[in-house]
C-alpha atoms as a PDB file:
ATOM      1  CA  MET A   1     -10.273 -25.304 -76.198  1.00  0.00           C
ATOM      2  CA  THR A   2      -9.401 -24.647 -72.590  1.00  0.00           C
ATOM      3  CA  THR A   3      -6.907 -26.464 -70.474  1.00  0.00           C
ATOM      4  CA  ILE A   4      -7.533 -27.123 -66.838  1.00  0.00           C
ATOM      5  CA  THR A   5      -4.337 -26.795 -64.853  1.00  0.00           C
ATOM      6  CA  GLU A   6      -3.714 -27.421 -61.219  1.00  0.00           C
ATOM      7  CA  PRO A   7      -2.756 -24.419 -59.209  1.00  0.00           C
ATOM      8  CA  ALA A   8       1.017 -24.214 -58.576  1.00  0.00           C
ATOM      9  CA  ARG A   9       1.973 -25.496 -55.175  1.00  0.00           C
ATOM     10  CA  VAL A  10       3.974 -23.044 -53.290  1.00  0.00           C
ATOM     11  CA  ARG A  11       6.637 -24.797 -51.298  1.00  0.00           C
ATOM     12  CA  SER A  12       7.801 -23.223 -48.135  1.00  0.00           C
ATOM     13  CA  ASP A  13      10.481 -24.202 -45.676  1.00  0.00           C
ATOM     14  CA  ARG A  14       9.071 -22.055 -42.869  1.00  0.00           C
ATOM     15  CA  LEU A  15       7.787 -25.052 -40.873  1.00  0.00           C
ATOM     16  CA  LEU A  16      11.095 -26.892 -41.185  1.00  0.00           C
ATOM     17  CA  ARG A  17      13.114 -23.857 -40.139  1.00  0.00           C
ATOM     18  CA  LEU A  18      10.776 -23.329 -37.188  1.00  0.00           C
ATOM     19  CA  ALA A  19      11.083 -27.028 -36.149  1.00  0.00           C
ATOM     20  CA  LEU A  20      14.856 -26.963 -36.469  1.00  0.00           C
ATOM     21  CA  ARG A  21      15.161 -23.740 -34.445  1.00  0.00           C
ATOM     22  CA  ALA A  22      12.767 -24.986 -31.762  1.00  0.00           C
ATOM     23  CA  ASP A  23      14.684 -28.252 -31.460  1.00  0.00           C
ATOM     24  CA  ALA A  24      17.977 -26.325 -31.337  1.00  0.00           C
ATOM     25  CA  LEU A  25      16.871 -23.922 -28.628  1.00  0.00           C
ATOM     26  CA  ILE A  26      15.115 -26.548 -26.494  1.00  0.00           C
ATOM     27  CA  SER A  27      17.933 -29.035 -26.748  1.00  0.00           C
ATOM     28  CA  GLY A  28      20.647 -26.468 -26.200  1.00  0.00           C
ATOM     29  CA  SER A  29      18.981 -24.900 -23.182  1.00  0.00           C
ATOM     30  CA  GLY A  30      18.210 -28.394 -21.858  1.00  0.00           C
ATOM     31  CA  GLY A  31      21.925 -29.156 -22.092  1.00  0.00           C
ATOM     32  CA  VAL A  32      22.790 -26.044 -20.108  1.00  0.00           C
ATOM     33  CA  ILE A  33      20.235 -26.981 -17.418  1.00  0.00           C
ATOM     34  CA  LEU A  34      21.594 -30.595 -17.259  1.00  0.00           C
ATOM     35  CA  ALA A  35      25.107 -29.290 -16.811  1.00  0.00           C
ATOM     36  CA  ALA A  36      24.059 -26.865 -14.083  1.00  0.00           C
ATOM     37  CA  ALA A  37      22.087 -29.443 -12.178  1.00  0.00           C
ATOM     38  CA  ALA A  38      24.107 -32.565 -12.999  1.00  0.00           C
ATOM     39  CA  GLY A  39      24.571 -33.643  -9.372  1.00  0.00           C
ATOM     40  CA  ALA A  40      20.905 -33.406  -8.481  1.00  0.00           C
ATOM     41  CA  ILE A  41      19.813 -34.994 -11.758  1.00  0.00           C
ATOM     42  CA  ALA A  42      22.318 -37.866 -11.324  1.00  0.00           C
ATOM     43  CA  ALA A  43      21.100 -38.526  -7.782  1.00  0.00           C
ATOM     44  CA  GLU A  44      17.389 -38.399  -8.670  1.00  0.00           C
ATOM     45  CA  SER A  45      17.556 -40.281 -11.965  1.00  0.00           C
ATOM     46  CA  GLY A  46      20.172 -42.981 -11.431  1.00  0.00           C
ATOM     47  CA  ILE A  47      22.166 -41.800 -14.448  1.00  0.00           C
ATOM     48  CA  PRO A  48      25.838 -41.547 -13.467  1.00  0.00           C
ATOM     49  CA  ARG A  49      27.045 -37.924 -13.101  1.00  0.00           C
ATOM     50  CA  PRO A  50      29.705 -38.251 -15.857  1.00  0.00           C
ATOM     51  CA  ALA A  51      27.042 -39.486 -18.227  1.00  0.00           C
ATOM     52  CA  VAL A  52      24.857 -36.463 -17.321  1.00  0.00           C
ATOM     53  CA  TYR A  53      27.764 -34.153 -18.167  1.00  0.00           C
ATOM     54  CA  VAL A  54      28.368 -35.921 -21.508  1.00  0.00           C
ATOM     55  CA  LEU A  55      24.694 -35.767 -22.326  1.00  0.00           C
ATOM     56  CA  ALA A  56      24.665 -32.065 -21.430  1.00  0.00           C
ATOM     57  CA  ALA A  57      27.657 -31.354 -23.687  1.00  0.00           C
ATOM     58  CA  VAL A  58      26.156 -33.308 -26.511  1.00  0.00           C
ATOM     59  CA  LEU A  59      22.838 -31.389 -26.260  1.00  0.00           C
ATOM     60  CA  VAL A  60      24.582 -28.053 -26.240  1.00  0.00           C
ATOM     61  CA  VAL A  61      26.693 -28.931 -29.324  1.00  0.00           C
ATOM     62  CA  TYR A  62      23.700 -30.420 -31.014  1.00  0.00           C
ATOM     63  CA  GLY A  63      21.629 -27.277 -30.310  1.00  0.00           C
ATOM     64  CA  VAL A  64      24.340 -24.976 -31.737  1.00  0.00           C
ATOM     65  CA  GLY A  65      24.822 -27.218 -34.794  1.00  0.00           C
ATOM     66  CA  VAL A  66      21.092 -27.562 -35.559  1.00  0.00           C
ATOM     67  CA  TYR A  67      20.606 -23.862 -35.152  1.00  0.00           C
ATOM     68  CA  GLY A  68      23.404 -23.272 -37.625  1.00  0.00           C
ATOM     69  CA  LEU A  69      21.783 -25.720 -40.078  1.00  0.00           C
ATOM     70  CA  SER A  70      18.479 -23.848 -39.756  1.00  0.00           C
ATOM     71  CA  THR A  71      20.154 -20.719 -41.114  1.00  0.00           C
ATOM     72  CA  LEU A  72      21.354 -22.341 -44.391  1.00  0.00           C
ATOM     73  CA  ALA A  73      19.767 -21.311 -47.678  1.00  0.00           C
ATOM     74  CA  ALA A  74      18.639 -24.885 -48.371  1.00  0.00           C
ATOM     75  CA  VAL A  75      17.443 -26.693 -45.261  1.00  0.00           C
ATOM     76  CA  ARG A  76      15.722 -29.740 -46.731  1.00  0.00           C
ATOM     77  CA  ARG A  77      18.689 -32.129 -46.564  1.00  0.00           C
ATOM     78  CA  PRO A  78      19.898 -30.989 -43.182  1.00  0.00           C
ATOM     79  CA  GLY A  79      16.279 -31.274 -42.011  1.00  0.00           C
ATOM     80  CA  ILE A  80      16.199 -34.935 -43.099  1.00  0.00           C
ATOM     81  CA  ALA A  81      19.463 -35.616 -41.282  1.00  0.00           C
ATOM     82  CA  VAL A  82      18.253 -33.965 -38.073  1.00  0.00           C
ATOM     83  CA  ALA A  83      14.950 -35.866 -38.218  1.00  0.00           C
ATOM     84  CA  ILE A  84      16.867 -39.092 -38.588  1.00  0.00           C
ATOM     85  CA  ALA A  85      19.126 -38.134 -35.663  1.00  0.00           C
ATOM     86  CA  ASN A  86      16.008 -37.523 -33.493  1.00  0.00           C
ATOM     87  CA  VAL A  87      14.625 -40.992 -34.450  1.00  0.00           C
ATOM     88  CA  VAL A  88      17.987 -42.552 -33.548  1.00  0.00           C
ATOM     89  CA  PHE A  89      17.935 -40.757 -30.142  1.00  0.00           C
ATOM     90  CA  THR A  90      14.417 -41.941 -29.548  1.00  0.00           C
ATOM     91  CA  ILE A  91      15.427 -45.526 -30.132  1.00  0.00           C
ATOM     92  CA  ALA A  92      18.563 -45.116 -27.962  1.00  0.00           C
ATOM     93  CA  ALA A  93      16.557 -43.730 -25.099  1.00  0.00           C
ATOM     94  CA  VAL A  94      14.057 -46.524 -25.202  1.00  0.00           C
ATOM     95  CA  LEU A  95      16.848 -49.148 -25.424  1.00  0.00           C
ATOM     96  CA  ALA A  96      18.692 -47.579 -22.508  1.00  0.00           C
ATOM     97  CA  VAL A  97      15.553 -48.167 -20.411  1.00  0.00           C
ATOM     98  CA  ILE A  98      14.887 -51.679 -21.698  1.00  0.00           C
ATOM     99  CA  ASP A  99      18.477 -52.861 -21.492  1.00  0.00           C
ATOM    100  CA  ASP A 100      19.145 -51.389 -18.063  1.00  0.00           C
ATOM    101  CA  VAL A 101      22.132 -49.391 -19.216  1.00  0.00           C
ATOM    102  CA  TRP A 102      22.089 -47.484 -16.003  1.00  0.00           C
ATOM    103  CA  PRO A 103      20.465 -48.247 -12.655  1.00  0.00           C
ATOM    104  CA  LEU A 104      17.575 -45.849 -13.351  1.00  0.00           C
ATOM    105  CA  THR A 105      15.170 -44.863 -10.657  1.00  0.00           C
ATOM    106  CA  THR A 106      11.482 -44.412 -11.455  1.00  0.00           C
ATOM    107  CA  THR A 107      12.245 -40.746 -12.083  1.00  0.00           C
ATOM    108  CA  GLY A 108      15.078 -41.732 -14.375  1.00  0.00           C
ATOM    109  CA  VAL A 109      12.874 -44.062 -16.387  1.00  0.00           C
ATOM    110  CA  ALA A 110      10.238 -41.277 -16.701  1.00  0.00           C
ATOM    111  CA  MET A 111      12.973 -38.834 -17.856  1.00  0.00           C
ATOM    112  CA  MET A 112      14.172 -41.210 -20.522  1.00  0.00           C
ATOM    113  CA  ILE A 113      10.657 -41.908 -21.785  1.00  0.00           C
ATOM    114  CA  VAL A 114       9.849 -38.128 -21.840  1.00  0.00           C
ATOM    115  CA  SER A 115      13.039 -37.468 -23.809  1.00  0.00           C
ATOM    116  CA  ALA A 116      12.146 -40.263 -26.264  1.00  0.00           C
ATOM    117  CA  VAL A 117       8.648 -38.784 -26.760  1.00  0.00           C
ATOM    118  CA  TYR A 118      10.103 -35.278 -27.188  1.00  0.00           C
ATOM    119  CA  THR A 119      12.592 -36.404 -29.827  1.00  0.00           C
ATOM    120  CA  LEU A 120      10.007 -38.473 -31.690  1.00  0.00           C
ATOM    121  CA  ALA A 121       7.696 -35.425 -31.730  1.00  0.00           C
ATOM    122  CA  MET A 122      10.512 -33.230 -33.053  1.00  0.00           C
ATOM    123  CA  ALA A 123      11.365 -35.842 -35.683  1.00  0.00           C
ATOM    124  CA  GLU A 124       7.687 -35.856 -36.789  1.00  0.00           C
ATOM    125  CA  LEU A 125       7.542 -32.052 -36.912  1.00  0.00           C
ATOM    126  CA  GLN A 126      10.743 -31.902 -38.937  1.00  0.00           C
ATOM    127  CA  TYR A 127       9.518 -34.601 -41.251  1.00  0.00           C
ATOM    128  CA  GLN A 128       6.371 -32.610 -41.965  1.00  0.00           C
ATOM    129  CA  GLY A 129       8.544 -29.577 -42.507  1.00  0.00           C
ATOM    130  CA  VAL A 130      10.688 -31.541 -44.996  1.00  0.00           C
ATOM    131  CA  ARG A 131       7.582 -32.639 -46.887  1.00  0.00           C
ATOM    132  CA  ARG A 132       6.511 -29.074 -47.290  1.00  0.00           C
ATOM    133  CA  ALA A 133       9.953 -27.732 -48.234  1.00  0.00           C
END
């Protein structure tokens, strides 16, 4: 008698590591750019300059932290946490626009929406990476 078995699924965390590293590098470099151009960004977007500096610092720290998480031996749980953080940021960005947290210009609204789309896309990519890991 023969037994039919399913082929073993090979689980790989390559996509998750790639998604985490991409998010870390894009966010961290975005934070550096925000800090360097805080005055111009504040004037163009309507976001107060101190808030731009805080956001820049948060992005740099987030980038360094997420890159560090991507180097761990087991990245599944950190990947889940980072994906959740990205969803939370997406919601916060949308709420900041809806609730008029700052006197955003049209450019500022566009920047917030683009950042929400980016973080949601990263969350989805990280979620897919978690599923494969």
